[in-house]
């Protein structure tokens, strides 16, 4: 039960962020410490970030509702990869180290993957 709640809470937080990207993208960008881009950059910014947060929200919701761990594994893996590439951006490309975002992504990603192991595993999914 607690693992479904964890997945649901992370999914709800991601859904709120996705809604912000849909209805107030300038504020959503500022909340992540980035400028609101113009032209094709704005198209990529809104498309990519909205898709990121919507996917995680849906996967968390599906995992919590169906009790199928593979949904949570995918969402957790995406968050952990975001943390890896944020760290790589800092180490290789002189980006500011986004410790608050990296910390959240690592904790939330790990919680989702751990919850997935406790909720259930579907052997039919590759």
N, C-alpha and C. Protein backbone atom coordinates (compact mmCIF):
# COMPACT_ATOMS: atom_id res chain seq x y z
N UNK A 1 0.83 -1.21 0.00
CA UNK A 1 0.00 0.00 0.00
C UNK A 1 0.86 1.26 0.00
N UNK A 2 1.88 1.30 0.86
CA UNK A 2 2.72 2.49 0.95
C UNK A 2 3.44 2.76 -0.37
N UNK A 3 3.78 1.71 -1.10
CA UNK A 3 4.51 1.88 -2.36
C UNK A 3 3.61 2.49 -3.42
N UNK A 4 2.34 2.16 -3.37
CA UNK A 4 1.38 2.79 -4.29
C UNK A 4 1.23 4.27 -3.95
N UNK A 5 1.25 4.59 -2.67
CA UNK A 5 1.14 5.99 -2.23
C UNK A 5 2.36 6.78 -2.68
N UNK A 6 3.54 6.20 -2.51
CA UNK A 6 4.77 6.87 -2.95
C UNK A 6 4.71 7.16 -4.45
N UNK A 7 4.33 6.15 -5.22
CA UNK A 7 4.23 6.33 -6.68
C UNK A 7 3.18 7.39 -7.01
N UNK A 8 2.06 7.36 -6.32
CA UNK A 8 1.01 8.34 -6.57
C UNK A 8 1.44 9.76 -6.24
N UNK A 9 2.17 9.92 -5.14
CA UNK A 9 2.64 11.26 -4.76
C UNK A 9 3.66 11.82 -5.75
N UNK A 10 4.60 10.97 -6.14
CA UNK A 10 5.58 11.42 -7.14
C UNK A 10 4.88 11.72 -8.45
N UNK A 11 3.93 10.88 -8.84
CA UNK A 11 3.17 11.12 -10.06
C UNK A 11 2.38 12.41 -9.99
N UNK A 12 1.77 12.70 -8.83
CA UNK A 12 1.00 13.94 -8.68
C UNK A 12 1.91 15.16 -8.79
N UNK A 13 3.09 15.09 -8.19
CA UNK A 13 4.05 16.21 -8.29
C UNK A 13 4.47 16.42 -9.74
N UNK A 14 4.71 15.33 -10.45
CA UNK A 14 5.09 15.44 -11.86
C UNK A 14 3.93 15.97 -12.70
N UNK A 15 2.71 15.58 -12.36
CA UNK A 15 1.53 16.07 -13.07
C UNK A 15 1.37 17.58 -12.87
N UNK A 16 1.59 18.05 -11.66
CA UNK A 16 1.51 19.49 -11.40
C UNK A 16 2.56 20.26 -12.21
N UNK A 17 3.74 19.69 -12.29
CA UNK A 17 4.80 20.33 -13.08
C UNK A 17 4.43 20.30 -14.56
N UNK A 18 3.87 19.19 -15.03
CA UNK A 18 3.45 19.11 -16.44
C UNK A 18 2.37 20.13 -16.74
N UNK A 19 1.42 20.29 -15.83
CA UNK A 19 0.36 21.28 -16.03
C UNK A 19 0.95 22.68 -16.11
N UNK A 20 1.95 22.93 -15.30
CA UNK A 20 2.63 24.23 -15.36
C UNK A 20 3.28 24.44 -16.72
N UNK A 21 3.91 23.40 -17.26
CA UNK A 21 4.52 23.52 -18.59
C UNK A 21 3.46 23.75 -19.68
N UNK A 22 2.28 23.21 -19.48
CA UNK A 22 1.22 23.36 -20.47
C UNK A 22 0.58 24.75 -20.41
N UNK A 23 0.28 25.23 -19.19
CA UNK A 23 -0.49 26.46 -19.05
C UNK A 23 0.31 27.70 -18.70
N UNK A 24 1.52 27.54 -18.17
CA UNK A 24 2.35 28.69 -17.82
C UNK A 24 3.82 28.33 -18.03
N UNK A 25 4.21 28.09 -19.28
CA UNK A 25 5.56 27.59 -19.53
C UNK A 25 6.68 28.55 -19.13
N UNK A 26 6.43 29.84 -19.19
CA UNK A 26 7.47 30.80 -18.80
C UNK A 26 7.82 30.62 -17.32
N UNK A 27 6.81 30.45 -16.48
CA UNK A 27 7.04 30.23 -15.06
C UNK A 27 7.67 28.86 -14.82
N UNK A 28 7.22 27.84 -15.56
CA UNK A 28 7.79 26.51 -15.42
C UNK A 28 9.28 26.52 -15.74
N UNK A 29 9.65 27.24 -16.80
CA UNK A 29 11.06 27.35 -17.16
C UNK A 29 11.84 28.06 -16.05
N UNK A 30 11.30 29.16 -15.56
CA UNK A 30 11.97 29.90 -14.49
C UNK A 30 12.13 29.04 -13.24
N UNK A 31 11.12 28.22 -12.93
CA UNK A 31 11.21 27.34 -11.76
C UNK A 31 12.35 26.33 -11.88
N UNK A 32 12.73 26.01 -13.10
CA UNK A 32 13.85 25.09 -13.33
C UNK A 32 15.16 25.84 -13.60
N UNK A 33 15.13 27.17 -13.42
CA UNK A 33 16.34 27.96 -13.56
C UNK A 33 16.79 28.19 -14.99
N UNK A 34 15.84 28.19 -15.92
CA UNK A 34 16.21 28.38 -17.32
C UNK A 34 15.42 29.51 -17.94
N UNK A 35 15.97 30.13 -18.97
CA UNK A 35 15.22 31.16 -19.69
C UNK A 35 14.12 30.52 -20.53
N UNK A 36 13.09 31.30 -20.78
CA UNK A 36 12.01 30.87 -21.67
C UNK A 36 12.47 31.18 -23.08
N UNK A 37 12.75 30.16 -23.86
CA UNK A 37 13.38 30.33 -25.17
C UNK A 37 12.41 30.88 -26.21
N UNK A 38 12.95 31.24 -27.36
CA UNK A 38 12.16 31.74 -28.49
C UNK A 38 12.29 30.77 -29.67
N UNK A 39 11.38 30.90 -30.62
CA UNK A 39 11.46 30.17 -31.88
C UNK A 39 11.47 28.66 -31.72
N UNK A 40 12.34 27.99 -32.49
CA UNK A 40 12.43 26.54 -32.43
C UNK A 40 12.92 26.05 -31.07
N UNK A 41 13.72 26.86 -30.41
CA UNK A 41 14.17 26.50 -29.07
C UNK A 41 12.99 26.37 -28.11
N UNK A 42 12.02 27.29 -28.23
CA UNK A 42 10.82 27.21 -27.37
C UNK A 42 10.02 25.96 -27.70
N UNK A 43 9.92 25.63 -28.98
CA UNK A 43 9.21 24.42 -29.38
C UNK A 43 9.85 23.19 -28.74
N UNK A 44 11.16 23.09 -28.81
CA UNK A 44 11.87 21.96 -28.20
C UNK A 44 11.74 21.99 -26.69
N UNK A 45 11.88 23.16 -26.11
CA UNK A 45 11.80 23.30 -24.65
C UNK A 45 10.44 22.84 -24.14
N UNK A 46 9.37 23.35 -24.73
CA UNK A 46 8.04 22.99 -24.28
C UNK A 46 7.70 21.54 -24.60
N UNK A 47 8.04 21.10 -25.81
CA UNK A 47 7.74 19.73 -26.19
C UNK A 47 8.48 18.71 -25.34
N UNK A 48 9.78 18.91 -25.17
CA UNK A 48 10.58 17.94 -24.43
C UNK A 48 10.26 17.93 -22.95
N UNK A 49 10.18 19.10 -22.34
CA UNK A 49 9.93 19.13 -20.90
C UNK A 49 8.51 18.68 -20.55
N UNK A 50 7.54 19.08 -21.35
CA UNK A 50 6.18 18.64 -21.09
C UNK A 50 6.08 17.12 -21.23
N UNK A 51 6.67 16.58 -22.28
CA UNK A 51 6.65 15.12 -22.49
C UNK A 51 7.33 14.40 -21.32
N UNK A 52 8.44 14.92 -20.85
CA UNK A 52 9.17 14.32 -19.72
C UNK A 52 8.26 14.20 -18.49
N UNK A 53 7.63 15.31 -18.12
CA UNK A 53 6.81 15.31 -16.91
C UNK A 53 5.50 14.55 -17.09
N UNK A 54 4.89 14.64 -18.26
CA UNK A 54 3.65 13.90 -18.52
C UNK A 54 3.93 12.39 -18.50
N UNK A 55 5.02 11.97 -19.13
CA UNK A 55 5.35 10.54 -19.13
C UNK A 55 5.52 10.02 -17.72
N UNK A 56 6.29 10.72 -16.90
CA UNK A 56 6.52 10.24 -15.53
C UNK A 56 5.21 10.22 -14.75
N UNK A 57 4.38 11.25 -14.91
CA UNK A 57 3.09 11.28 -14.21
C UNK A 57 2.21 10.11 -14.62
N UNK A 58 2.12 9.84 -15.90
CA UNK A 58 1.29 8.72 -16.39
C UNK A 58 1.86 7.39 -15.91
N UNK A 59 3.17 7.21 -16.03
CA UNK A 59 3.78 5.94 -15.61
C UNK A 59 3.58 5.70 -14.11
N UNK A 60 3.73 6.75 -13.31
CA UNK A 60 3.51 6.60 -11.86
C UNK A 60 2.05 6.27 -11.58
N UNK A 61 1.15 6.94 -12.26
CA UNK A 61 -0.27 6.66 -12.07
C UNK A 61 -0.63 5.24 -12.48
N UNK A 62 -0.12 4.81 -13.62
CA UNK A 62 -0.39 3.46 -14.09
C UNK A 62 0.19 2.42 -13.13
N UNK A 63 1.39 2.65 -12.63
CA UNK A 63 1.99 1.72 -11.69
C UNK A 63 1.22 1.64 -10.39
N UNK A 64 0.77 2.79 -9.90
CA UNK A 64 0.02 2.82 -8.64
C UNK A 64 -1.35 2.16 -8.81
N UNK A 65 -2.00 2.41 -9.92
CA UNK A 65 -3.36 1.88 -10.12
C UNK A 65 -3.34 0.39 -10.45
N UNK A 66 -2.48 -0.01 -11.38
CA UNK A 66 -2.48 -1.40 -11.83
C UNK A 66 -1.60 -2.32 -10.97
N UNK A 67 -0.76 -1.72 -10.15
CA UNK A 67 0.21 -2.45 -9.33
C UNK A 67 1.16 -3.28 -10.19
N UNK A 68 1.56 -2.71 -11.31
CA UNK A 68 2.55 -3.32 -12.21
C UNK A 68 3.84 -2.51 -12.09
N UNK A 69 4.87 -3.16 -11.58
CA UNK A 69 6.12 -2.47 -11.29
C UNK A 69 6.85 -1.93 -12.49
N UNK A 70 6.65 -2.50 -13.66
CA UNK A 70 7.41 -2.04 -14.82
C UNK A 70 7.11 -0.58 -15.17
N UNK A 71 5.91 -0.09 -14.87
CA UNK A 71 5.62 1.32 -15.11
C UNK A 71 6.51 2.20 -14.23
N UNK A 72 6.66 1.80 -12.99
CA UNK A 72 7.47 2.58 -12.06
C UNK A 72 8.95 2.48 -12.39
N UNK A 73 9.36 1.33 -12.91
CA UNK A 73 10.77 1.18 -13.31
C UNK A 73 11.12 2.17 -14.42
N UNK A 74 10.22 2.31 -15.38
CA UNK A 74 10.48 3.25 -16.48
C UNK A 74 10.56 4.68 -16.00
N UNK A 75 9.63 5.06 -15.14
CA UNK A 75 9.64 6.43 -14.60
C UNK A 75 10.88 6.66 -13.76
N UNK A 76 11.23 5.69 -12.93
CA UNK A 76 12.42 5.81 -12.09
C UNK A 76 13.69 5.91 -12.92
N UNK A 77 13.79 5.08 -13.95
CA UNK A 77 14.96 5.11 -14.82
C UNK A 77 15.10 6.47 -15.51
N UNK A 78 14.01 7.04 -15.96
CA UNK A 78 14.06 8.35 -16.62
C UNK A 78 14.56 9.42 -15.64
N UNK A 79 14.07 9.40 -14.41
CA UNK A 79 14.54 10.37 -13.42
C UNK A 79 16.02 10.18 -13.11
N UNK A 80 16.45 8.93 -12.96
CA UNK A 80 17.86 8.68 -12.67
C UNK A 80 18.75 9.11 -13.84
N UNK A 81 18.29 8.88 -15.06
CA UNK A 81 19.06 9.33 -16.22
C UNK A 81 19.16 10.86 -16.28
N UNK A 82 18.08 11.53 -15.90
CA UNK A 82 18.14 13.00 -15.85
C UNK A 82 19.22 13.45 -14.87
N UNK A 83 19.31 12.78 -13.72
CA UNK A 83 20.34 13.12 -12.73
C UNK A 83 21.74 12.84 -13.28
N UNK A 84 21.90 11.73 -13.98
CA UNK A 84 23.20 11.40 -14.57
C UNK A 84 23.62 12.46 -15.57
N UNK A 85 22.71 12.87 -16.44
CA UNK A 85 23.09 13.81 -17.49
C UNK A 85 23.22 15.24 -16.96
N UNK A 86 22.51 15.58 -15.89
CA UNK A 86 22.75 16.88 -15.23
C UNK A 86 24.17 16.90 -14.66
N UNK A 87 24.55 15.79 -14.04
CA UNK A 87 25.89 15.69 -13.46
C UNK A 87 26.95 15.73 -14.55
N UNK A 88 26.70 15.06 -15.66
CA UNK A 88 27.61 15.09 -16.79
C UNK A 88 27.74 16.51 -17.35
N UNK A 89 26.64 17.23 -17.43
CA UNK A 89 26.68 18.62 -17.90
C UNK A 89 27.58 19.47 -17.02
N UNK A 90 27.52 19.23 -15.72
CA UNK A 90 28.37 19.96 -14.78
C UNK A 90 29.84 19.56 -14.96
N UNK A 91 30.10 18.24 -15.04
CA UNK A 91 31.47 17.74 -15.08
C UNK A 91 32.18 18.05 -16.39
N UNK A 92 31.45 18.03 -17.50
CA UNK A 92 32.08 18.14 -18.81
C UNK A 92 31.87 19.51 -19.46
N UNK A 93 30.70 20.11 -19.25
CA UNK A 93 30.35 21.30 -20.01
C UNK A 93 30.22 22.56 -19.16
N UNK A 94 30.75 22.53 -17.95
CA UNK A 94 30.82 23.71 -17.10
C UNK A 94 29.44 24.28 -16.74
N UNK A 95 28.43 23.41 -16.68
CA UNK A 95 27.12 23.85 -16.21
C UNK A 95 27.15 23.97 -14.70
N UNK A 96 26.26 24.77 -14.17
CA UNK A 96 26.14 24.86 -12.71
C UNK A 96 25.64 23.52 -12.18
N UNK A 97 26.20 23.09 -11.05
CA UNK A 97 25.77 21.83 -10.46
C UNK A 97 24.41 22.04 -9.81
N UNK A 98 23.39 21.40 -10.35
CA UNK A 98 22.00 21.58 -9.90
C UNK A 98 21.69 20.58 -8.80
N UNK A 99 22.30 20.77 -7.65
CA UNK A 99 22.20 19.77 -6.58
C UNK A 99 20.77 19.52 -6.13
N UNK A 100 19.93 20.56 -6.07
CA UNK A 100 18.56 20.36 -5.60
C UNK A 100 17.77 19.51 -6.59
N UNK A 101 17.98 19.70 -7.87
CA UNK A 101 17.27 18.89 -8.87
C UNK A 101 17.84 17.48 -8.92
N UNK A 102 19.15 17.36 -8.89
CA UNK A 102 19.80 16.06 -8.92
C UNK A 102 19.37 15.24 -7.70
N UNK A 103 19.37 15.88 -6.56
CA UNK A 103 18.97 15.19 -5.34
C UNK A 103 17.55 14.66 -5.43
N UNK A 104 16.63 15.50 -5.91
CA UNK A 104 15.24 15.05 -6.05
C UNK A 104 15.15 13.90 -7.04
N UNK A 105 15.83 14.02 -8.18
CA UNK A 105 15.75 12.98 -9.20
C UNK A 105 16.31 11.64 -8.70
N UNK A 106 17.39 11.69 -7.95
CA UNK A 106 17.97 10.46 -7.43
C UNK A 106 17.04 9.82 -6.39
N UNK A 107 16.55 10.64 -5.46
CA UNK A 107 15.68 10.10 -4.41
C UNK A 107 14.37 9.57 -5.02
N UNK A 108 13.72 10.38 -5.85
CA UNK A 108 12.45 9.96 -6.45
C UNK A 108 12.65 8.75 -7.36
N UNK A 109 13.70 8.77 -8.17
CA UNK A 109 13.97 7.63 -9.05
C UNK A 109 14.22 6.35 -8.28
N UNK A 110 15.02 6.45 -7.22
CA UNK A 110 15.30 5.28 -6.40
C UNK A 110 14.04 4.78 -5.69
N UNK A 111 13.23 5.70 -5.18
CA UNK A 111 11.97 5.31 -4.54
C UNK A 111 11.04 4.59 -5.52
N UNK A 112 10.98 5.09 -6.75
CA UNK A 112 10.12 4.45 -7.74
C UNK A 112 10.62 3.05 -8.10
N UNK A 113 11.91 2.91 -8.28
CA UNK A 113 12.45 1.59 -8.63
C UNK A 113 12.29 0.63 -7.45
N UNK A 114 12.52 1.10 -6.24
CA UNK A 114 12.31 0.26 -5.06
C UNK A 114 10.83 -0.12 -4.94
N UNK A 115 9.95 0.86 -5.13
CA UNK A 115 8.51 0.58 -5.06
C UNK A 115 8.10 -0.43 -6.12
N UNK A 116 8.69 -0.32 -7.31
CA UNK A 116 8.40 -1.27 -8.39
C UNK A 116 8.74 -2.70 -7.96
N UNK A 117 9.83 -2.84 -7.24
CA UNK A 117 10.23 -4.18 -6.80
C UNK A 117 9.28 -4.74 -5.76
N UNK A 118 8.57 -3.88 -5.06
CA UNK A 118 7.65 -4.32 -4.02
C UNK A 118 6.22 -4.47 -4.53
N UNK A 119 5.87 -3.71 -5.56
CA UNK A 119 4.49 -3.77 -6.08
C UNK A 119 4.27 -5.01 -6.91
N UNK A 120 5.18 -5.29 -7.80
CA UNK A 120 5.00 -6.47 -8.64
C UNK A 120 5.78 -6.36 -9.92
N UNK A 121 5.97 -7.48 -10.54
CA UNK A 121 6.75 -7.58 -11.75
C UNK A 121 5.96 -8.38 -12.77
N UNK A 122 5.92 -7.89 -13.99
CA UNK A 122 5.21 -8.57 -15.05
C UNK A 122 6.23 -9.25 -15.95
N UNK A 123 6.26 -10.57 -15.96
CA UNK A 123 7.26 -11.30 -16.73
C UNK A 123 7.07 -11.18 -18.24
N UNK A 124 5.90 -10.74 -18.67
CA UNK A 124 5.65 -10.62 -20.09
C UNK A 124 6.24 -9.36 -20.70
N UNK A 125 6.68 -8.42 -19.86
CA UNK A 125 7.21 -7.16 -20.35
C UNK A 125 8.73 -7.26 -20.48
N UNK A 126 9.23 -6.87 -21.60
CA UNK A 126 10.68 -6.92 -21.84
C UNK A 126 11.31 -5.66 -21.31
